[in-house]
Amino acid sequence: MTKRKQVRISLILTRKEKDFLKSFKNKCKNTGGDSLSYGEILRAMVRVLKKLKVKPDKLKNELDLIKRICIKAKIPYK
């Protein structure tokens, strides 16, 4: 068995980005249903933030980021 490599994302995120992700996590928890785990969402968001070179304060809202994540991950956006 190979060990999964874990990344400490807190080291590469600014305070503003961490607060943004925490608020997003709370919204995801409240929606319930068939959704991704917080870790999966967080990893996807970090990858997208890095690839798109987007700062959270430049986004219109969380939905803008969700759309970008869905497009990158090839997940159909509803």
Protein backbone atom coordinates (compact mmCIF):
# COMPACT_ATOMS: atom_id res chain seq x y z
CA MET A 1 0.00 0.00 0.00
CA THR A 2 1.23 3.42 -0.87
CA LYS A 3 0.83 6.26 1.54
CA ARG A 4 -1.15 9.25 0.41
CA LYS A 5 0.82 12.43 0.38
CA GLN A 6 -0.82 15.06 2.52
CA VAL A 7 -0.37 18.74 1.92
CA ARG A 8 -0.70 21.40 4.57
CA ILE A 9 -2.76 23.87 2.65
CA SER A 10 -2.79 26.32 5.52
CA LEU A 11 0.82 27.21 4.66
CA ILE A 12 -0.01 28.39 1.14
CA LEU A 13 -3.18 30.34 1.95
CA THR A 14 -3.51 33.87 3.21
CA ARG A 15 -5.72 34.76 6.18
CA LYS A 16 -8.39 36.16 3.84
CA GLU A 17 -8.44 32.94 1.79
CA LYS A 18 -8.75 30.79 4.94
CA ASP A 19 -11.71 32.86 6.18
CA PHE A 20 -13.33 32.61 2.75
CA LEU A 21 -12.97 28.80 2.76
CA LYS A 22 -14.34 28.54 6.30
CA SER A 23 -17.47 30.47 5.33
CA PHE A 24 -17.81 28.26 2.24
CA LYS A 25 -17.49 25.13 4.41
CA ASN A 26 -20.33 26.27 6.65
CA LYS A 27 -22.58 26.88 3.64
CA CYS A 28 -21.78 23.40 2.28
CA LYS A 29 -22.62 21.78 5.61
CA ASN A 30 -25.96 23.56 5.74
CA THR A 31 -27.02 22.49 2.25
CA GLY A 32 -26.70 18.76 3.01
CA GLY A 33 -27.60 16.25 0.33
CA ASP A 34 -25.26 14.31 -1.91
CA SER A 35 -22.17 16.49 -1.83
CA LEU A 36 -18.40 16.29 -1.71
CA SER A 37 -16.59 16.13 1.59
CA TYR A 38 -15.06 19.31 2.98
CA GLY A 39 -11.55 18.01 2.25
CA GLU A 40 -12.39 17.35 -1.40
CA ILE A 41 -13.93 20.78 -1.79
CA LEU A 42 -10.97 22.42 -0.09
CA ARG A 43 -8.39 20.65 -2.26
CA ALA A 44 -10.32 21.53 -5.42
CA MET A 45 -10.61 25.15 -4.34
CA VAL A 46 -6.92 25.46 -3.56
CA ARG A 47 -5.98 23.96 -6.94
CA VAL A 48 -8.35 26.30 -8.75
CA LEU A 49 -7.19 29.35 -6.80
CA LYS A 50 -3.58 28.54 -7.71
CA LYS A 51 -4.26 27.68 -11.38
CA LEU A 52 -6.52 30.64 -12.05
CA LYS A 53 -4.39 32.93 -9.88
CA VAL A 54 -7.58 34.26 -8.31
CA LYS A 55 -7.77 36.10 -5.02
CA PRO A 56 -11.03 35.62 -3.07
CA ASP A 57 -11.59 39.37 -2.79
CA LYS A 58 -11.68 39.59 -6.62
CA LEU A 59 -14.54 37.08 -6.87
CA LYS A 60 -18.10 38.36 -7.08
CA ASN A 61 -19.27 35.72 -4.61
CA GLU A 62 -18.90 32.05 -3.68
CA LEU A 63 -21.00 30.97 -6.68
CA ASP A 64 -18.43 32.44 -9.04
CA LEU A 65 -15.74 30.25 -7.49
CA ILE A 66 -17.99 27.17 -7.45
CA LYS A 67 -18.65 27.58 -11.19
CA ARG A 68 -14.92 27.82 -11.88
CA ILE A 69 -14.23 24.72 -9.77
CA CYS A 70 -16.95 22.76 -11.58
CA ILE A 71 -15.57 23.77 -14.97
CA LYS A 72 -12.00 22.78 -14.00
CA ALA A 73 -13.09 19.49 -12.40
CA LYS A 74 -15.50 18.77 -15.29
CA ILE A 75 -18.41 18.49 -12.86
CA PRO A 76 -21.82 19.51 -14.26
CA TYR A 77 -22.88 22.75 -12.59
CA LYS A 78 -26.58 23.08 -11.71
